[in-house]
C-alpha atoms as a PDB file:
ATOM      1  CA  MET A   1       0.000   0.000   0.000  1.00  0.00           C
ATOM      2  CA  LYS A   2       2.791   2.388   0.920  1.00  0.00           C
ATOM      3  CA  ARG A   3       4.600   1.643  -2.346  1.00  0.00           C
ATOM      4  CA  ARG A   4       1.385   2.215  -4.291  1.00  0.00           C
ATOM      5  CA  SER A   5       0.886   5.601  -2.593  1.00  0.00           C
ATOM      6  CA  VAL A   6       4.442   6.652  -3.471  1.00  0.00           C
ATOM      7  CA  LEU A   7       3.939   5.640  -7.104  1.00  0.00           C
ATOM      8  CA  PHE A   8       0.628   7.498  -7.203  1.00  0.00           C
ATOM      9  CA  GLY A   9       2.294  10.623  -5.809  1.00  0.00           C
ATOM     10  CA  ILE A  10       5.095  10.423  -8.370  1.00  0.00           C
ATOM     11  CA  GLY A  11       2.585   9.934 -11.181  1.00  0.00           C
ATOM     12  CA  ALA A  12       0.457  12.877 -10.044  1.00  0.00           C
ATOM     13  CA  GLY A  13       3.554  15.043  -9.772  1.00  0.00           C
ATOM     14  CA  LEU A  14       4.689  14.111 -13.284  1.00  0.00           C
ATOM     15  CA  LEU A  15       1.193  14.843 -14.608  1.00  0.00           C
ATOM     16  CA  LEU A  16       1.166  18.296 -13.011  1.00  0.00           C
ATOM     17  CA  VAL A  17       4.634  19.062 -14.385  1.00  0.00           C
ATOM     18  CA  SER A  18       3.573  17.902 -17.855  1.00  0.00           C
ATOM     19  CA  VAL A  19       0.383  20.008 -17.782  1.00  0.00           C
ATOM     20  CA  GLY A  20       2.369  22.995 -16.541  1.00  0.00           C
ATOM     21  CA  ALA A  21       4.964  22.560 -19.287  1.00  0.00           C
ATOM     22  CA  VAL A  22       2.281  22.328 -21.973  1.00  0.00           C
ATOM     23  CA  LEU A  23       0.545  25.429 -20.611  1.00  0.00           C
ATOM     24  CA  VAL A  24       3.823  27.375 -20.614  1.00  0.00           C
ATOM     25  CA  LEU A  25       4.502  26.299 -24.199  1.00  0.00           C
ATOM     26  CA  LEU A  26       1.014  27.400 -25.242  1.00  0.00           C
ATOM     27  CA  LEU A  27       1.449  30.759 -23.518  1.00  0.00           C
ATOM     28  CA  LEU A  28       4.891  31.303 -25.052  1.00  0.00           C
ATOM     29  CA  HIS A  29       3.732  30.264 -28.518  1.00  0.00           C
ATOM     30  CA  GLU A  30       4.187  33.078 -31.052  1.00  0.00           C
ATOM     31  CA  PRO A  31       1.115  33.237 -33.301  1.00  0.00           C
ATOM     32  CA  ALA A  32       1.840  32.926 -37.012  1.00  0.00           C
ATOM     33  CA  VAL A  33       0.190  36.272 -37.767  1.00  0.00           C
ATOM     34  CA  TYR A  34       2.602  38.068 -35.431  1.00  0.00           C
ATOM     35  CA  ALA A  35       5.635  36.769 -37.308  1.00  0.00           C
ATOM     36  CA  ARG A  36       3.974  37.115 -40.725  1.00  0.00           C
ATOM     37  CA  VAL A  37       3.164  40.843 -40.525  1.00  0.00           C
ATOM     38  CA  GLY A  38       6.516  41.862 -39.019  1.00  0.00           C
ATOM     39  CA  GLN A  39       8.764  43.657 -41.485  1.00  0.00           C
ATOM     40  CA  PRO A  40      12.388  42.467 -41.752  1.00  0.00           C
ATOM     41  CA  GLU A  41      14.995  45.019 -40.745  1.00  0.00           C
ATOM     42  CA  GLY A  42      16.538  46.892 -43.641  1.00  0.00           C
ATOM     43  CA  GLU A  43      16.177  49.731 -46.112  1.00  0.00           C
ATOM     44  CA  GLU A  44      12.693  48.718 -47.252  1.00  0.00           C
ATOM     45  CA  ARG A  45      11.379  48.871 -43.677  1.00  0.00           C
ATOM     46  CA  LYS A  46      12.849  52.356 -43.259  1.00  0.00           C
ATOM     47  CA  GLN A  47      11.200  53.473 -46.503  1.00  0.00           C
ATOM     48  CA  LEU A  48       7.843  52.058 -45.424  1.00  0.00           C
ATOM     49  CA  CYS A  49       8.213  53.838 -42.066  1.00  0.00           C
ATOM     50  CA  GLY A  50       8.899  57.080 -43.931  1.00  0.00           C
ATOM     51  CA  GLN A  51       5.802  56.478 -46.058  1.00  0.00           C
ATOM     52  CA  PHE A  52       3.660  56.107 -42.938  1.00  0.00           C
ATOM     53  CA  ASN A  53       5.070  59.335 -41.464  1.00  0.00           C
ATOM     54  CA  SER A  54       4.421  61.182 -44.753  1.00  0.00           C
ATOM     55  CA  ASP A  55       0.851  59.848 -44.996  1.00  0.00           C
ATOM     56  CA  LEU A  56       0.181  60.832 -41.375  1.00  0.00           C
ATOM     57  CA  ILE A  57       1.558  64.366 -41.849  1.00  0.00           C
ATOM     58  CA  ARG A  58      -0.465  64.790 -45.042  1.00  0.00           C
ATOM     59  CA  LEU A  59      -3.610  63.644 -43.218  1.00  0.00           C
ATOM     60  CA  TYR A  60      -2.916  66.075 -40.375  1.00  0.00           C
ATOM     61  CA  ASP A  61      -2.461  68.945 -42.861  1.00  0.00           C
ATOM     62  CA  GLU A  62      -5.726  68.062 -44.617  1.00  0.00           C
ATOM     63  CA  ILE A  63      -7.609  67.927 -41.300  1.00  0.00           C
ATOM     64  CA  ARG A  64      -6.203  71.332 -40.372  1.00  0.00           C
ATOM     65  CA  ASP A  65      -6.533  73.140 -43.726  1.00  0.00           C
ATOM     66  CA  GLN A  66      -8.972  71.312 -46.018  1.00  0.00           C
ATOM     67  CA  PRO A  67     -12.766  70.872 -45.930  1.00  0.00           C
ATOM     68  CA  THR A  68     -12.348  67.123 -46.484  1.00  0.00           C
ATOM     69  CA  PHE A  69      -9.628  64.653 -45.604  1.00  0.00           C
ATOM     70  CA  GLY A  70      -8.738  61.069 -46.276  1.00  0.00           C
ATOM     71  CA  ALA A  71      -5.879  58.591 -46.111  1.00  0.00           C
ATOM     72  CA  THR A  72      -5.047  54.972 -46.849  1.00  0.00           C
ATOM     73  CA  PHE A  73      -2.599  53.238 -44.519  1.00  0.00           C
ATOM     74  CA  SER A  74      -1.083  49.856 -45.337  1.00  0.00           C
ATOM     75  CA  GLN A  75      -0.327  47.362 -42.590  1.00  0.00           C
ATOM     76  CA  GLU A  76       3.237  47.145 -43.932  1.00  0.00           C
ATOM     77  CA  SER A  77       3.860  50.857 -43.389  1.00  0.00           C
ATOM     78  CA  ILE A  78       2.226  50.862 -39.938  1.00  0.00           C
ATOM     79  CA  ASN A  79       4.201  47.837 -38.749  1.00  0.00           C
ATOM     80  CA  SER A  80       7.407  49.341 -40.149  1.00  0.00           C
ATOM     81  CA  TYR A  81       6.704  52.482 -38.131  1.00  0.00           C
ATOM     82  CA  PHE A  82       6.164  50.378 -35.012  1.00  0.00           C
ATOM     83  CA  ASP A  83       9.570  48.751 -35.525  1.00  0.00           C
ATOM     84  CA  GLU A  84      11.463  51.905 -36.533  1.00  0.00           C
ATOM     85  CA  ASP A  85      10.195  55.181 -35.036  1.00  0.00           C
ATOM     86  CA  PHE A  86       7.536  54.234 -32.505  1.00  0.00           C
ATOM     87  CA  VAL A  87       9.968  53.629 -29.654  1.00  0.00           C
ATOM     88  CA  ARG A  88      12.786  55.890 -30.855  1.00  0.00           C
ATOM     89  CA  THR A  89      10.607  59.017 -30.846  1.00  0.00           C
ATOM     90  CA  GLY A  90       9.060  58.293 -27.421  1.00  0.00           C
ATOM     91  CA  VAL A  91       5.529  57.801 -28.755  1.00  0.00           C
ATOM     92  CA  ALA A  92       5.369  54.215 -27.466  1.00  0.00           C
ATOM     93  CA  LYS A  93       6.090  55.290 -23.903  1.00  0.00           C
ATOM     94  CA  SER A  94       3.302  57.858 -23.950  1.00  0.00           C
ATOM     95  CA  VAL A  95       0.544  55.693 -25.444  1.00  0.00           C
ATOM     96  CA  LEU A  96       1.220  52.055 -24.497  1.00  0.00           C
ATOM     97  CA  PRO A  97       0.061  50.617 -21.165  1.00  0.00           C
ATOM     98  CA  GLU A  98       2.731  49.294 -18.810  1.00  0.00           C
ATOM     99  CA  GLY A  99       4.070  45.887 -19.853  1.00  0.00           C
ATOM    100  CA  VAL A 100       3.021  46.255 -23.512  1.00  0.00           C
ATOM    101  CA  ASN A 101       5.486  46.645 -26.368  1.00  0.00           C
ATOM    102  CA  ALA A 102       6.242  45.622 -29.976  1.00  0.00           C
ATOM    103  CA  PRO A 103       2.688  46.001 -31.354  1.00  0.00           C
ATOM    104  CA  ARG A 104       1.731  44.800 -34.833  1.00  0.00           C
ATOM    105  CA  VAL A 105      -1.494  44.980 -36.822  1.00  0.00           C
ATOM    106  CA  ALA A 106      -3.085  42.983 -39.613  1.00  0.00           C
ATOM    107  CA  PHE A 107      -6.099  44.266 -41.565  1.00  0.00           C
ATOM    108  CA  GLU A 108      -8.818  42.044 -42.964  1.00  0.00           C
ATOM    109  CA  PRO A 109     -12.211  43.057 -44.372  1.00  0.00           C
ATOM    110  CA  ASP A 110     -14.104  44.588 -41.393  1.00  0.00           C
ATOM    111  CA  LYS A 111     -11.590  43.223 -38.872  1.00  0.00           C
ATOM    112  CA  ILE A 112      -8.379  44.354 -37.189  1.00  0.00           C
ATOM    113  CA  ARG A 113      -6.025  41.816 -35.665  1.00  0.00           C
ATOM    114  CA  LEU A 114      -3.836  43.522 -33.067  1.00  0.00           C
ATOM    115  CA  ALA A 115      -0.903  41.659 -31.511  1.00  0.00           C
ATOM    116  CA  PHE A 116       1.727  42.776 -29.021  1.00  0.00           C
ATOM    117  CA  ARG A 117       4.143  41.452 -26.455  1.00  0.00           C
ATOM    118  CA  TYR A 118       2.951  41.590 -22.864  1.00  0.00           C
ATOM    119  CA  HIS A 119       5.487  41.330 -20.028  1.00  0.00           C
ATOM    120  CA  VAL A 120       4.795  40.224 -16.475  1.00  0.00           C
ATOM    121  CA  GLY A 121       8.013  40.076 -14.471  1.00  0.00           C
ATOM    122  CA  PRO A 122      10.524  37.864 -16.326  1.00  0.00           C
ATOM    123  CA  TRP A 123       7.777  36.330 -18.473  1.00  0.00           C
ATOM    124  CA  SER A 124       6.358  37.571 -21.750  1.00  0.00           C
ATOM    125  CA  THR A 125       3.717  36.336 -24.164  1.00  0.00           C
ATOM    126  CA  VAL A 126       2.139  37.571 -27.371  1.00  0.00           C
ATOM    127  CA  ILE A 127      -1.397  38.862 -26.865  1.00  0.00           C
ATOM    128  CA  THR A 128      -3.594  38.675 -29.971  1.00  0.00           C
ATOM    129  CA  ILE A 129      -6.915  40.540 -30.178  1.00  0.00           C
ATOM    130  CA  ASP A 130      -9.387  40.179 -33.050  1.00  0.00           C
ATOM    131  CA  MET A 131     -11.713  43.170 -33.341  1.00  0.00           C
ATOM    132  CA  ARG A 132     -14.562  44.082 -35.641  1.00  0.00           C
ATOM    133  CA  VAL A 133     -14.570  47.823 -36.255  1.00  0.00           C
ATOM    134  CA  TRP A 134     -17.120  50.246 -37.629  1.00  0.00           C
ATOM    135  CA  LEU A 135     -18.238  53.861 -37.393  1.00  0.00           C
ATOM    136  CA  ALA A 136     -20.957  54.312 -34.815  1.00  0.00           C
ATOM    137  CA  ASN A 137     -24.239  56.151 -35.377  1.00  0.00           C
ATOM    138  CA  LYS A 138     -23.568  59.135 -37.647  1.00  0.00           C
ATOM    139  CA  ARG A 139     -25.412  61.432 -35.260  1.00  0.00           C
ATOM    140  CA  GLU A 140     -22.217  61.225 -33.204  1.00  0.00           C
ATOM    141  CA  PRO A 141     -19.394  62.568 -35.378  1.00  0.00           C
ATOM    142  CA  ASN A 142     -16.370  60.893 -33.846  1.00  0.00           C
ATOM    143  CA  VAL A 143     -17.330  57.567 -32.327  1.00  0.00           C
ATOM    144  CA  ILE A 144     -15.707  54.342 -33.504  1.00  0.00           C
ATOM    145  CA  ALA A 145     -16.972  50.991 -32.225  1.00  0.00           C
ATOM    146  CA  LEU A 146     -14.615  48.071 -31.593  1.00  0.00           C
ATOM    147  CA  GLU A 147     -16.073  44.641 -30.888  1.00  0.00           C
ATOM    148  CA  LEU A 148     -13.567  42.293 -29.262  1.00  0.00           C
ATOM    149  CA  GLN A 149     -14.223  38.921 -30.863  1.00  0.00           C
ATOM    150  CA  SER A 150     -11.329  36.939 -29.394  1.00  0.00           C
ATOM    151  CA  LEU A 151      -8.353  37.451 -27.120  1.00  0.00           C
ATOM    152  CA  HIS A 152      -5.447  35.010 -26.736  1.00  0.00           C
ATOM    153  CA  ALA A 153      -2.211  34.854 -24.791  1.00  0.00           C
ATOM    154  CA  GLY A 154      -0.064  32.735 -27.056  1.00  0.00           C
ATOM    155  CA  SER A 155      -2.470  29.940 -28.016  1.00  0.00           C
ATOM    156  CA  VAL A 156      -4.565  30.201 -24.845  1.00  0.00           C
ATOM    157  CA  PRO A 157      -7.935  32.026 -24.893  1.00  0.00           C
ATOM    158  CA  ILE A 158      -8.071  34.504 -22.006  1.00  0.00           C
ATOM    159  CA  ALA A 159     -10.369  37.016 -20.367  1.00  0.00           C
ATOM    160  CA  ALA A 160      -8.100  39.967 -19.621  1.00  0.00           C
ATOM    161  CA  GLN A 161     -10.264  42.533 -17.863  1.00  0.00           C
ATOM    162  CA  SER A 162      -7.270  44.222 -16.249  1.00  0.00           C
ATOM    163  CA  LEU A 163      -5.546  44.564 -19.628  1.00  0.00           C
ATOM    164  CA  LEU A 164      -8.651  46.147 -21.168  1.00  0.00           C
ATOM    165  CA  GLU A 165      -8.832  48.571 -18.248  1.00  0.00           C
ATOM    166  CA  GLN A 166      -5.202  49.563 -18.862  1.00  0.00           C
ATOM    167  CA  ILE A 167      -5.947  50.196 -22.521  1.00  0.00           C
ATOM    168  CA  SER A 168      -9.008  52.270 -21.604  1.00  0.00           C
ATOM    169  CA  GLU A 169      -7.048  54.400 -19.153  1.00  0.00           C
ATOM    170  CA  THR A 170      -4.308  55.058 -21.702  1.00  0.00           C
ATOM    171  CA  ALA A 171      -6.914  56.096 -24.287  1.00  0.00           C
ATOM    172  CA  ARG A 172      -8.528  58.501 -21.810  1.00  0.00           C
ATOM    173  CA  GLN A 173      -5.162  60.066 -21.069  1.00  0.00           C
ATOM    174  CA  ASN A 174      -4.881  60.836 -24.778  1.00  0.00           C
ATOM    175  CA  GLY A 175      -8.255  62.546 -25.035  1.00  0.00           C
ATOM    176  CA  ILE A 176     -10.293  59.511 -26.172  1.00  0.00           C
ATOM    177  CA  GLU A 177     -13.393  58.686 -24.128  1.00  0.00           C
ATOM    178  CA  VAL A 178     -14.022  54.931 -23.801  1.00  0.00           C
ATOM    179  CA  ILE A 179     -17.380  53.328 -22.999  1.00  0.00           C
ATOM    180  CA  TRP A 180     -17.597  49.543 -22.609  1.00  0.00           C
ATOM    181  CA  TYR A 181     -20.685  47.365 -22.951  1.00  0.00           C
ATOM    182  CA  ARG A 182     -21.534  43.850 -24.121  1.00  0.00           C
ATOM    183  CA  TYR A 183     -23.110  42.913 -27.449  1.00  0.00           C
ATOM    184  CA  HIS A 184     -23.943  39.264 -28.195  1.00  0.00           C
ATOM    185  CA  GLY A 185     -21.628  38.302 -25.338  1.00  0.00           C
ATOM    186  CA  ASN A 186     -18.620  40.230 -26.700  1.00  0.00           C
ATOM    187  CA  PRO A 187     -17.176  43.367 -25.102  1.00  0.00           C
ATOM    188  CA  VAL A 188     -17.584  46.440 -27.303  1.00  0.00           C
ATOM    189  CA  ALA A 189     -15.618  49.652 -26.822  1.00  0.00           C
ATOM    190  CA  LEU A 190     -17.042  52.946 -28.041  1.00  0.00           C
ATOM    191  CA  LEU A 191     -14.117  55.298 -28.691  1.00  0.00           C
ATOM    192  CA  LYS A 192     -15.110  58.943 -28.799  1.00  0.00           C
ATOM    193  CA  PHE A 193     -12.411  61.159 -30.281  1.00  0.00           C
ATOM    194  CA  GLN A 194     -12.055  64.845 -29.349  1.00  0.00           C
ATOM    195  CA  ALA A 195     -14.008  63.982 -26.196  1.00  0.00           C
ATOM    196  CA  ASN A 196     -12.142  66.694 -24.282  1.00  0.00           C
ATOM    197  CA  GLN A 197     -13.378  69.407 -26.650  1.00  0.00           C
ATOM    198  CA  PRO A 198     -16.771  71.112 -26.183  1.00  0.00           C
ATOM    199  CA  HIS A 199     -17.391  71.044 -29.943  1.00  0.00           C
ATOM    200  CA  PRO A 200     -15.826  68.586 -32.418  1.00  0.00           C
ATOM    201  CA  THR A 201     -13.917  70.090 -35.328  1.00  0.00           C
ATOM    202  CA  ILE A 202     -13.977  67.029 -37.603  1.00  0.00           C
ATOM    203  CA  GLN A 203     -16.449  64.339 -38.574  1.00  0.00           C
ATOM    204  CA  PHE A 204     -15.427  60.846 -39.672  1.00  0.00           C
ATOM    205  CA  VAL A 205     -17.404  60.029 -42.816  1.00  0.00           C
ATOM    206  CA  ASP A 206     -16.194  56.536 -43.635  1.00  0.00           C
ATOM    207  CA  LEU A 207     -13.890  53.894 -42.210  1.00  0.00           C
ATOM    208  CA  GLN A 208     -13.066  50.823 -44.269  1.00  0.00           C
ATOM    209  CA  LEU A 209     -10.907  47.794 -43.643  1.00  0.00           C
ATOM    210  CA  ASP A 210      -9.666  45.755 -46.554  1.00  0.00           C
ATOM    211  CA  THR A 211      -6.986  43.118 -46.892  1.00  0.00           C
ATOM    212  CA  GLY A 212      -3.800  44.792 -45.723  1.00  0.00           C
ATOM    213  CA  GLN A 213      -5.090  48.349 -45.520  1.00  0.00           C
ATOM    214  CA  LEU A 214      -7.113  50.880 -43.528  1.00  0.00           C
ATOM    215  CA  ILE A 215      -9.017  53.654 -45.328  1.00  0.00           C
ATOM    216  CA  ILE A 216     -10.434  56.638 -43.467  1.00  0.00           C
ATOM    217  CA  THR A 217     -12.218  59.747 -44.762  1.00  0.00           C
ATOM    218  CA  GLY A 218     -13.836  62.713 -43.068  1.00  0.00           C
ATOM    219  CA  ARG A 219     -14.656  66.381 -43.227  1.00  0.00           C
ATOM    220  CA  ALA A 220     -14.208  69.499 -41.191  1.00  0.00           C
ATOM    221  CA  ILE A 221     -17.098  70.891 -39.178  1.00  0.00           C
ATOM    222  CA  ASP A 222     -17.524  74.005 -37.088  1.00  0.00           C
ATOM    223  CA  ALA A 223     -19.862  75.113 -34.343  1.00  0.00           C
ATOM    224  CA  GLY A 224     -22.265  76.596 -36.913  1.00  0.00           C
ATOM    225  CA  THR A 225     -22.783  73.287 -38.690  1.00  0.00           C
ATOM    226  CA  ILE A 226     -22.858  70.933 -35.703  1.00  0.00           C
ATOM    227  CA  SER A 227     -26.553  71.522 -35.052  1.00  0.00           C
ATOM    228  CA  SER A 228     -27.428  70.707 -38.671  1.00  0.00           C
ATOM    229  CA  ILE A 229     -25.495  67.418 -38.394  1.00  0.00           C
ATOM    230  CA  LEU A 230     -26.703  66.310 -34.985  1.00  0.00           C
ATOM    231  CA  GLY A 231     -30.121  67.953 -34.852  1.00  0.00           C
ATOM    232  CA  PRO A 232     -31.685  68.645 -31.452  1.00  0.00           C
ATOM    233  CA  VAL A 233     -29.602  67.286 -28.590  1.00  0.00           C
ATOM    234  CA  GLN A 234     -31.331  64.194 -27.225  1.00  0.00           C
ATOM    235  CA  PRO A 235     -30.221  61.384 -24.916  1.00  0.00           C
ATOM    236  CA  THR A 236     -28.690  58.596 -26.986  1.00  0.00           C
ATOM    237  CA  SER A 237     -28.724  55.025 -25.791  1.00  0.00           C
ATOM    238  CA  ILE A 238     -25.615  52.883 -26.190  1.00  0.00           C
ATOM    239  CA  LYS A 239     -27.492  50.615 -28.625  1.00  0.00           C
ATOM    240  CA  GLU A 240     -28.386  53.588 -30.837  1.00  0.00           C
ATOM    241  CA  LEU A 241     -24.859  54.955 -30.589  1.00  0.00           C
ATOM    242  CA  ALA A 242     -23.318  51.686 -31.718  1.00  0.00           C
ATOM    243  CA  ALA A 243     -25.832  51.008 -34.472  1.00  0.00           C
ATOM    244  CA  ASN A 244     -24.035  49.718 -37.528  1.00  0.00           C
END
């Protein structure tokens, strides 16, 4: 009996070690999409980073000076920027939550796949978030809805409430109001841009996701035209706000 108990204890211990090892391997697994969308270091990556910076500056100038604006961003140029200038210029430190670095994006029709490394002490894993994205009700000029469809750490599905709270707090610090609710069981974030301004100065007109690219268009508005866009101010429910 004593021998049997010892063997049982050894077997249970080996099982726990094996399960733990498998779990660690699953957590440390680097998803294929994360490696696939990364741009190899070199002159082409620097050129793509420069293209992203040029497109962003041109968009900023159009928003400031033109009645309409629009831009198309490729995932290659965005990911090249993440690898080249994002950290070097200090932008990463100001916008990323603690423990998050090396972000990458992949665009599919109506879906963004965001991946990044997440560090906890000496450990790190790749977090992958699949999100459906659309412009919210057009009566609100600057609200984008993000539906979180899946969230994984490595290969393991997770519910990361604390991580989502960190992301929300970082967005608020950068002037973006975040409202969370659930739709068909999935968390949905309503991101309201220019939330810290009494009157918005721009209106997003269209936001499209296609394979490998993000397309955004909009127009300038002023206080005199806001009432014609929004009509009488009325309470808006979250369901109405997020209407597709």
